[in-house]
Amino acid sequence: MMDKQNREDFLNSIATKAGRPRHQLADHPFKPLNNLPEATLSGKTQDQLLQIAKKSSEGVHVNFETTTTVCLADLLNKYVQHKNIRQLILPTTDVWGKFKLADWQKSTGVTTNYWIPQAPRKENIQRAQNADGAIGFADFLLAESGTIAVATTPGQGRAFHFLPTHYLSIIPKSKIVPRSRQAMVAYAEKFSSGELKTSNINLITGPSNSGDIEMVLVVGVHGPLDMTYVVVEDL
């Protein structure tokens, strides 16, 4: 992540090459035209946001599931079998226990690899490329658009989400937010406290959707063939 001095040097360099004074936000403060970022879907309960997220996600060709921590392992077993996954990649993270998956992730029933923080980047990318499926964790689910937000971490890198054939993301119900504004505010707080350090935040809205000149929709041309969101209702 770019530190403050590097950022200032970068922006000053751009202003110099553009031949104009450096713009300063203090001189021209941003004035929003409305409060839609905060007001959209405000006041909705988590149950209401769940239903909105389900409709939005299915609208972008996501398989949307809900479950509890007690039933989550069984759902994942059925997913692995249904997708005929033979080689699985999982993140290296300490949240497995939170979802009652500490035992499951050690005995998935298929060949299992991990995105390893200490491993060379090429090795992790190759693991993801070879995987039939990936099961990971998202930070937030944006109800309005059916988008998951997930920060890149040493144990769950960027390519983890985009290279495997099938992709499943686990999200606590409590982490469903109205839209990107709420997620970005939460990330900003984590940056400020030092809790989060990341090179990027991924906003993923289902599998890729491509249409040719005849408007024939093809899903999953770029990235995973399909995506599944699993919302854990008791978290």
C-alpha atoms as a PDB file:
ATOM      1  CA  MET A   1       0.000   0.000   0.000  1.00  0.00           C
ATOM      2  CA  MET A   2       1.376   3.474  -0.968  1.00  0.00           C
ATOM      3  CA  ASP A   3       2.416   5.508   2.087  1.00  0.00           C
ATOM      4  CA  LYS A   4       1.607   9.208   2.463  1.00  0.00           C
ATOM      5  CA  GLN A   5       4.972  10.562   1.270  1.00  0.00           C
ATOM      6  CA  ASN A   6       5.062   8.292  -1.778  1.00  0.00           C
ATOM      7  CA  ARG A   7       1.522   9.323  -2.612  1.00  0.00           C
ATOM      8  CA  GLU A   8       2.378  13.017  -2.390  1.00  0.00           C
ATOM      9  CA  ASP A   9       5.496  12.569  -4.542  1.00  0.00           C
ATOM     10  CA  PHE A  10       3.464  10.628  -7.101  1.00  0.00           C
ATOM     11  CA  LEU A  11       0.714  13.260  -7.309  1.00  0.00           C
ATOM     12  CA  ASN A  12       3.209  16.139  -7.445  1.00  0.00           C
ATOM     13  CA  SER A  13       5.005  14.410 -10.312  1.00  0.00           C
ATOM     14  CA  ILE A  14       1.763  14.082 -12.274  1.00  0.00           C
ATOM     15  CA  ALA A  15       0.924  17.766 -11.720  1.00  0.00           C
ATOM     16  CA  THR A  16       4.394  18.819 -12.869  1.00  0.00           C
ATOM     17  CA  LYS A  17       4.234  16.740 -16.057  1.00  0.00           C
ATOM     18  CA  ALA A  18       0.720  18.045 -16.748  1.00  0.00           C
ATOM     19  CA  GLY A  19       2.029  21.579 -16.423  1.00  0.00           C
ATOM     20  CA  ARG A  20      -0.532  22.758 -13.929  1.00  0.00           C
ATOM     21  CA  PRO A  21      -0.707  23.448 -10.178  1.00  0.00           C
ATOM     22  CA  ARG A  22      -1.262  20.543  -7.867  1.00  0.00           C
ATOM     23  CA  HIS A  23      -4.927  20.241  -6.941  1.00  0.00           C
ATOM     24  CA  GLN A  24      -5.522  20.335  -3.195  1.00  0.00           C
ATOM     25  CA  LEU A  25      -8.736  18.960  -1.754  1.00  0.00           C
ATOM     26  CA  ALA A  26      -8.587  21.570   1.016  1.00  0.00           C
ATOM     27  CA  ASP A  27      -8.828  24.311  -1.628  1.00  0.00           C
ATOM     28  CA  HIS A  28     -11.675  22.644  -3.455  1.00  0.00           C
ATOM     29  CA  PRO A  29     -13.525  20.455  -0.945  1.00  0.00           C
ATOM     30  CA  PHE A  30     -15.726  17.731  -2.308  1.00  0.00           C
ATOM     31  CA  LYS A  31     -19.406  18.594  -1.952  1.00  0.00           C
ATOM     32  CA  PRO A  32     -21.788  15.684  -2.542  1.00  0.00           C
ATOM     33  CA  LEU A  33     -24.936  16.492  -4.510  1.00  0.00           C
ATOM     34  CA  ASN A  34     -27.033  14.138  -2.394  1.00  0.00           C
ATOM     35  CA  ASN A  35     -26.862  11.569   0.388  1.00  0.00           C
ATOM     36  CA  LEU A  36     -27.701   8.542  -1.752  1.00  0.00           C
ATOM     37  CA  PRO A  37     -24.538   6.638  -0.735  1.00  0.00           C
ATOM     38  CA  GLU A  38     -25.715   6.649   2.866  1.00  0.00           C
ATOM     39  CA  ALA A  39     -29.486   6.706   2.340  1.00  0.00           C
ATOM     40  CA  THR A  40     -29.920   3.903  -0.204  1.00  0.00           C
ATOM     41  CA  LEU A  41     -31.390   0.858   1.583  1.00  0.00           C
ATOM     42  CA  SER A  42     -30.825   2.534   4.944  1.00  0.00           C
ATOM     43  CA  GLY A  43     -33.071   1.345   7.741  1.00  0.00           C
ATOM     44  CA  LYS A  44     -33.336  -2.186   6.348  1.00  0.00           C
ATOM     45  CA  THR A  45     -33.033  -5.066   8.796  1.00  0.00           C
ATOM     46  CA  GLN A  46     -30.476  -7.823   8.213  1.00  0.00           C
ATOM     47  CA  ASP A  47     -33.317 -10.138   7.157  1.00  0.00           C
ATOM     48  CA  GLN A  48     -34.458  -7.583   4.586  1.00  0.00           C
ATOM     49  CA  LEU A  49     -30.915  -7.060   3.349  1.00  0.00           C
ATOM     50  CA  LEU A  50     -30.550 -10.828   3.046  1.00  0.00           C
ATOM     51  CA  GLN A  51     -33.554 -11.040   0.740  1.00  0.00           C
ATOM     52  CA  ILE A  52     -32.358  -8.092  -1.337  1.00  0.00           C
ATOM     53  CA  ALA A  53     -28.881  -9.627  -1.593  1.00  0.00           C
ATOM     54  CA  LYS A  54     -30.361 -12.950  -2.672  1.00  0.00           C
ATOM     55  CA  LYS A  55     -32.374 -11.338  -5.487  1.00  0.00           C
ATOM     56  CA  SER A  56     -29.443  -9.182  -6.618  1.00  0.00           C
ATOM     57  CA  SER A  57     -26.992 -12.099  -6.548  1.00  0.00           C
ATOM     58  CA  GLU A  58     -29.253 -14.419  -8.511  1.00  0.00           C
ATOM     59  CA  GLY A  59     -29.697 -11.592 -11.008  1.00  0.00           C
ATOM     60  CA  VAL A  60     -25.962 -11.760 -11.787  1.00  0.00           C
ATOM     61  CA  HIS A  61     -26.001 -15.556 -12.101  1.00  0.00           C
ATOM     62  CA  VAL A  62     -24.762 -16.426  -8.617  1.00  0.00           C
ATOM     63  CA  ASN A  63     -25.896 -19.571  -6.826  1.00  0.00           C
ATOM     64  CA  PHE A  64     -27.136 -18.209  -3.504  1.00  0.00           C
ATOM     65  CA  GLU A  65     -27.343 -20.428  -0.409  1.00  0.00           C
ATOM     66  CA  THR A  66     -28.126 -19.823   3.254  1.00  0.00           C
ATOM     67  CA  THR A  67     -27.176 -22.091   6.129  1.00  0.00           C
ATOM     68  CA  THR A  68     -26.023 -22.168   9.757  1.00  0.00           C
ATOM     69  CA  THR A  69     -22.632 -22.948  11.246  1.00  0.00           C
ATOM     70  CA  VAL A  70     -23.908 -26.397  12.302  1.00  0.00           C
ATOM     71  CA  CYS A  71     -24.915 -27.287   8.733  1.00  0.00           C
ATOM     72  CA  LEU A  72     -22.128 -25.487   6.874  1.00  0.00           C
ATOM     73  CA  ALA A  73     -19.703 -28.423   6.645  1.00  0.00           C
ATOM     74  CA  ASP A  74     -22.400 -30.644   5.185  1.00  0.00           C
ATOM     75  CA  LEU A  75     -23.280 -27.986   2.609  1.00  0.00           C
ATOM     76  CA  LEU A  76     -19.631 -27.719   1.577  1.00  0.00           C
ATOM     77  CA  ASN A  77     -19.358 -31.503   1.210  1.00  0.00           C
ATOM     78  CA  LYS A  78     -22.390 -31.510  -1.075  1.00  0.00           C
ATOM     79  CA  TYR A  79     -20.947 -28.623  -3.065  1.00  0.00           C
ATOM     80  CA  VAL A  80     -17.627 -30.411  -3.620  1.00  0.00           C
ATOM     81  CA  GLN A  81     -19.461 -33.556  -4.729  1.00  0.00           C
ATOM     82  CA  HIS A  82     -21.958 -31.719  -6.954  1.00  0.00           C
ATOM     83  CA  LYS A  83     -19.217 -29.806  -8.766  1.00  0.00           C
ATOM     84  CA  ASN A  84     -17.114 -32.967  -9.050  1.00  0.00           C
ATOM     85  CA  ILE A  85     -14.160 -31.155  -7.510  1.00  0.00           C
ATOM     86  CA  ARG A  86     -11.028 -33.256  -7.292  1.00  0.00           C
ATOM     87  CA  GLN A  87      -8.496 -30.591  -6.389  1.00  0.00           C
ATOM     88  CA  LEU A  88      -9.481 -27.857  -3.953  1.00  0.00           C
ATOM     89  CA  ILE A  89      -7.694 -24.701  -2.834  1.00  0.00           C
ATOM     90  CA  LEU A  90      -8.416 -23.091   0.533  1.00  0.00           C
ATOM     91  CA  PRO A  91      -7.144 -19.925   2.218  1.00  0.00           C
ATOM     92  CA  THR A  92      -4.702 -19.938   5.094  1.00  0.00           C
ATOM     93  CA  THR A  93      -6.660 -18.131   7.804  1.00  0.00           C
ATOM     94  CA  ASP A  94      -7.571 -18.367  11.461  1.00  0.00           C
ATOM     95  CA  VAL A  95     -11.324 -17.975  10.849  1.00  0.00           C
ATOM     96  CA  TRP A  96     -11.986 -21.662  10.185  1.00  0.00           C
ATOM     97  CA  GLY A  97     -12.868 -22.174  13.842  1.00  0.00           C
ATOM     98  CA  LYS A  98     -15.312 -19.265  13.815  1.00  0.00           C
ATOM     99  CA  PHE A  99     -17.340 -21.105  11.174  1.00  0.00           C
ATOM    100  CA  LYS A 100     -16.947 -24.479  12.933  1.00  0.00           C
ATOM    101  CA  LEU A 101     -14.879 -25.738  10.000  1.00  0.00           C
ATOM    102  CA  ALA A 102     -11.581 -26.437  11.773  1.00  0.00           C
ATOM    103  CA  ASP A 103     -11.993 -30.206  11.350  1.00  0.00           C
ATOM    104  CA  TRP A 104     -13.655 -30.046   7.931  1.00  0.00           C
ATOM    105  CA  GLN A 105     -10.839 -28.112   6.241  1.00  0.00           C
ATOM    106  CA  LYS A 106      -8.388 -30.816   7.331  1.00  0.00           C
ATOM    107  CA  SER A 107     -10.446 -33.651   5.812  1.00  0.00           C
ATOM    108  CA  THR A 108     -12.315 -32.384   2.762  1.00  0.00           C
ATOM    109  CA  GLY A 109     -12.286 -35.780   1.058  1.00  0.00           C
ATOM    110  CA  VAL A 110     -10.417 -34.444  -1.991  1.00  0.00           C
ATOM    111  CA  THR A 111      -6.885 -33.272  -2.741  1.00  0.00           C
ATOM    112  CA  THR A 112      -6.557 -29.998  -0.875  1.00  0.00           C
ATOM    113  CA  ASN A 113      -3.973 -27.254  -1.247  1.00  0.00           C
ATOM    114  CA  TYR A 114      -3.691 -23.908   0.511  1.00  0.00           C
ATOM    115  CA  TRP A 115      -2.772 -20.417  -0.524  1.00  0.00           C
ATOM    116  CA  ILE A 116       0.409 -20.238   1.546  1.00  0.00           C
ATOM    117  CA  PRO A 117       1.582 -16.822   2.820  1.00  0.00           C
ATOM    118  CA  GLN A 118       5.302 -17.698   2.766  1.00  0.00           C
ATOM    119  CA  ALA A 119       5.271 -19.387  -0.635  1.00  0.00           C
ATOM    120  CA  PRO A 120       6.585 -17.705  -3.796  1.00  0.00           C
ATOM    121  CA  ARG A 121       3.843 -15.867  -5.687  1.00  0.00           C
ATOM    122  CA  LYS A 122       4.151 -18.119  -8.745  1.00  0.00           C
ATOM    123  CA  GLU A 123       3.589 -21.229  -6.651  1.00  0.00           C
ATOM    124  CA  ASN A 124       0.357 -19.898  -5.164  1.00  0.00           C
ATOM    125  CA  ILE A 125      -0.876 -18.805  -8.576  1.00  0.00           C
ATOM    126  CA  GLN A 126      -0.125 -22.258  -9.961  1.00  0.00           C
ATOM    127  CA  ARG A 127      -2.073 -23.889  -7.115  1.00  0.00           C
ATOM    128  CA  ALA A 128      -5.057 -21.698  -7.902  1.00  0.00           C
ATOM    129  CA  GLN A 129      -4.717 -22.378 -11.632  1.00  0.00           C
ATOM    130  CA  ASN A 130      -4.707 -26.141 -11.050  1.00  0.00           C
ATOM    131  CA  ALA A 131      -7.680 -26.120  -8.676  1.00  0.00           C
ATOM    132  CA  ASP A 132     -11.112 -27.372  -9.716  1.00  0.00           C
ATOM    133  CA  GLY A 133     -12.609 -25.323  -6.909  1.00  0.00           C
ATOM    134  CA  ALA A 134     -11.888 -22.635  -4.349  1.00  0.00           C
ATOM    135  CA  ILE A 135     -13.705 -22.091  -1.066  1.00  0.00           C
ATOM    136  CA  GLY A 136     -12.894 -18.794   0.608  1.00  0.00           C
ATOM    137  CA  PHE A 137     -14.249 -16.043   2.827  1.00  0.00           C
ATOM    138  CA  ALA A 138     -15.584 -12.597   1.929  1.00  0.00           C
ATOM    139  CA  ASP A 139     -15.523  -9.534   4.164  1.00  0.00           C
ATOM    140  CA  PHE A 140     -18.849  -8.111   3.015  1.00  0.00           C
ATOM    141  CA  LEU A 141     -21.792  -8.795   0.710  1.00  0.00           C
ATOM    142  CA  LEU A 142     -23.287  -5.690  -0.913  1.00  0.00           C
ATOM    143  CA  ALA A 143     -27.042  -6.197  -1.011  1.00  0.00           C
ATOM    144  CA  GLU A 144     -27.757  -3.662  -3.740  1.00  0.00           C
ATOM    145  CA  SER A 145     -25.570  -5.266  -6.401  1.00  0.00           C
ATOM    146  CA  GLY A 146     -24.897  -8.827  -5.278  1.00  0.00           C
ATOM    147  CA  THR A 147     -21.202  -8.013  -4.947  1.00  0.00           C
ATOM    148  CA  ILE A 148     -18.765  -9.545  -2.485  1.00  0.00           C
ATOM    149  CA  ALA A 149     -15.952  -7.410  -1.105  1.00  0.00           C
ATOM    150  CA  VAL A 150     -12.781  -9.171  -0.047  1.00  0.00           C
ATOM    151  CA  ALA A 151      -9.382  -7.701   0.751  1.00  0.00           C
ATOM    152  CA  THR A 152      -6.276  -9.426  -0.522  1.00  0.00           C
ATOM    153  CA  THR A 153      -4.361 -10.968   2.387  1.00  0.00           C
ATOM    154  CA  PRO A 154      -1.220 -13.108   2.616  1.00  0.00           C
ATOM    155  CA  GLY A 155      -3.395 -16.195   3.109  1.00  0.00           C
ATOM    156  CA  GLN A 156      -5.973 -15.421   0.415  1.00  0.00           C
ATOM    157  CA  GLY A 157      -4.335 -13.705  -2.524  1.00  0.00           C
ATOM    158  CA  ARG A 158      -5.906 -12.001  -5.500  1.00  0.00           C
ATOM    159  CA  ALA A 159      -5.634 -14.912  -7.934  1.00  0.00           C
ATOM    160  CA  PHE A 160      -7.349 -17.189  -5.399  1.00  0.00           C
ATOM    161  CA  HIS A 161     -10.708 -15.755  -6.461  1.00  0.00           C
ATOM    162  CA  PHE A 162     -10.254 -15.752 -10.223  1.00  0.00           C
ATOM    163  CA  LEU A 163      -8.305 -18.822 -11.384  1.00  0.00           C
ATOM    164  CA  PRO A 164     -10.093 -21.946 -10.014  1.00  0.00           C
ATOM    165  CA  THR A 165     -12.867 -23.501 -12.109  1.00  0.00           C
ATOM    166  CA  HIS A 166     -15.574 -23.198  -9.441  1.00  0.00           C
ATOM    167  CA  TYR A 167     -15.672 -20.616  -6.659  1.00  0.00           C
ATOM    168  CA  LEU A 168     -17.582 -20.487  -3.382  1.00  0.00           C
ATOM    169  CA  SER A 169     -17.513 -17.599  -0.926  1.00  0.00           C
ATOM    170  CA  ILE A 170     -18.691 -17.766   2.688  1.00  0.00           C
ATOM    171  CA  ILE A 171     -20.190 -14.616   4.215  1.00  0.00           C
ATOM    172  CA  PRO A 172     -21.686 -14.051   7.679  1.00  0.00           C
ATOM    173  CA  LYS A 173     -25.218 -12.662   7.542  1.00  0.00           C
ATOM    174  CA  SER A 174     -24.079  -9.836   9.830  1.00  0.00           C
ATOM    175  CA  LYS A 175     -21.681  -8.695   7.085  1.00  0.00           C
ATOM    176  CA  ILE A 176     -24.391  -7.981   4.521  1.00  0.00           C
ATOM    177  CA  VAL A 177     -24.383  -4.210   4.005  1.00  0.00           C
ATOM    178  CA  PRO A 178     -26.553  -2.020   1.769  1.00  0.00           C
ATOM    179  CA  ARG A 179     -23.871  -1.041  -0.761  1.00  0.00           C
ATOM    180  CA  SER A 180     -20.190  -0.271  -1.286  1.00  0.00           C
ATOM    181  CA  ARG A 181     -20.218   2.915   0.832  1.00  0.00           C
ATOM    182  CA  GLN A 182     -20.745   0.998   4.075  1.00  0.00           C
ATOM    183  CA  ALA A 183     -18.065  -1.533   3.185  1.00  0.00           C
ATOM    184  CA  MET A 184     -15.525   1.180   2.340  1.00  0.00           C
ATOM    185  CA  VAL A 185     -16.200   3.003   5.619  1.00  0.00           C
ATOM    186  CA  ALA A 186     -15.533  -0.233   7.510  1.00  0.00           C
ATOM    187  CA  TYR A 187     -12.332  -0.841   5.530  1.00  0.00           C
ATOM    188  CA  ALA A 188     -11.176   2.740   6.194  1.00  0.00           C
ATOM    189  CA  GLU A 189     -11.568   2.182   9.929  1.00  0.00           C
ATOM    190  CA  LYS A 190      -9.511  -1.011   9.719  1.00  0.00           C
ATOM    191  CA  PHE A 191      -6.802   0.811   7.752  1.00  0.00           C
ATOM    192  CA  SER A 192      -6.686   3.610  10.315  1.00  0.00           C
ATOM    193  CA  SER A 193      -6.394   1.217  13.252  1.00  0.00           C
ATOM    194  CA  GLY A 194      -3.723  -0.867  11.543  1.00  0.00           C
ATOM    195  CA  GLU A 195      -5.928  -3.965  11.640  1.00  0.00           C
ATOM    196  CA  LEU A 196      -5.844  -4.282   7.852  1.00  0.00           C
ATOM    197  CA  LYS A 197      -2.940  -3.945   5.441  1.00  0.00           C
ATOM    198  CA  THR A 198      -3.605  -4.944   1.863  1.00  0.00           C
ATOM    199  CA  SER A 199      -2.516  -4.279  -1.703  1.00  0.00           C
ATOM    200  CA  ASN A 200      -6.081  -4.178  -3.013  1.00  0.00           C
ATOM    201  CA  ILE A 201      -9.733  -4.810  -2.258  1.00  0.00           C
ATOM    202  CA  ASN A 202     -11.604  -7.045  -4.693  1.00  0.00           C
ATOM    203  CA  LEU A 203     -15.213  -6.248  -5.568  1.00  0.00           C
ATOM    204  CA  ILE A 204     -16.595  -9.335  -7.309  1.00  0.00           C
ATOM    205  CA  THR A 205     -20.086  -9.344  -8.791  1.00  0.00           C
ATOM    206  CA  GLY A 206     -20.680 -12.955  -9.740  1.00  0.00           C
ATOM    207  CA  PRO A 207     -19.048 -14.821 -12.633  1.00  0.00           C
ATOM    208  CA  SER A 208     -18.088 -12.903 -15.774  1.00  0.00           C
ATOM    209  CA  ASN A 209     -20.880 -12.143 -18.217  1.00  0.00           C
ATOM    210  CA  SER A 210     -20.003 -11.727 -21.887  1.00  0.00           C
ATOM    211  CA  GLY A 211     -22.278 -11.136 -24.877  1.00  0.00           C
ATOM    212  CA  ASP A 212     -21.400 -11.306 -28.572  1.00  0.00           C
ATOM    213  CA  ILE A 213     -22.753  -9.087 -31.344  1.00  0.00           C
ATOM    214  CA  GLU A 214     -25.961 -11.126 -31.409  1.00  0.00           C
ATOM    215  CA  MET A 215     -26.434 -10.500 -27.669  1.00  0.00           C
ATOM    216  CA  VAL A 216     -25.993 -14.153 -26.725  1.00  0.00           C
ATOM    217  CA  LEU A 217     -25.011 -14.202 -23.047  1.00  0.00           C
ATOM    218  CA  VAL A 218     -22.158 -16.462 -22.029  1.00  0.00           C
ATOM    219  CA  VAL A 219     -21.375 -16.795 -18.311  1.00  0.00           C
ATOM    220  CA  GLY A 220     -17.939 -17.601 -16.913  1.00  0.00           C
ATOM    221  CA  VAL A 221     -15.744 -16.910 -19.940  1.00  0.00           C
ATOM    222  CA  HIS A 222     -13.225 -15.066 -17.779  1.00  0.00           C
ATOM    223  CA  GLY A 223     -12.545 -16.498 -14.339  1.00  0.00           C
ATOM    224  CA  PRO A 224     -14.557 -19.242 -12.626  1.00  0.00           C
ATOM    225  CA  LEU A 225     -17.329 -20.957 -14.571  1.00  0.00           C
ATOM    226  CA  ASP A 226     -19.716 -20.332 -11.713  1.00  0.00           C
ATOM    227  CA  MET A 227     -19.891 -18.685  -8.303  1.00  0.00           C
ATOM    228  CA  THR A 228     -21.751 -19.575  -5.130  1.00  0.00           C
ATOM    229  CA  TYR A 229     -22.378 -17.325  -2.140  1.00  0.00           C
ATOM    230  CA  VAL A 230     -23.104 -19.066   1.153  1.00  0.00           C
ATOM    231  CA  VAL A 231     -24.555 -16.775   3.812  1.00  0.00           C
ATOM    232  CA  VAL A 232     -24.189 -18.111   7.356  1.00  0.00           C
ATOM    233  CA  GLU A 233     -27.295 -16.870   9.146  1.00  0.00           C
ATOM    234  CA  ASP A 234     -26.183 -17.309  12.756  1.00  0.00           C
ATOM    235  CA  LEU A 235     -23.022 -15.210  12.386  1.00  0.00           C
END
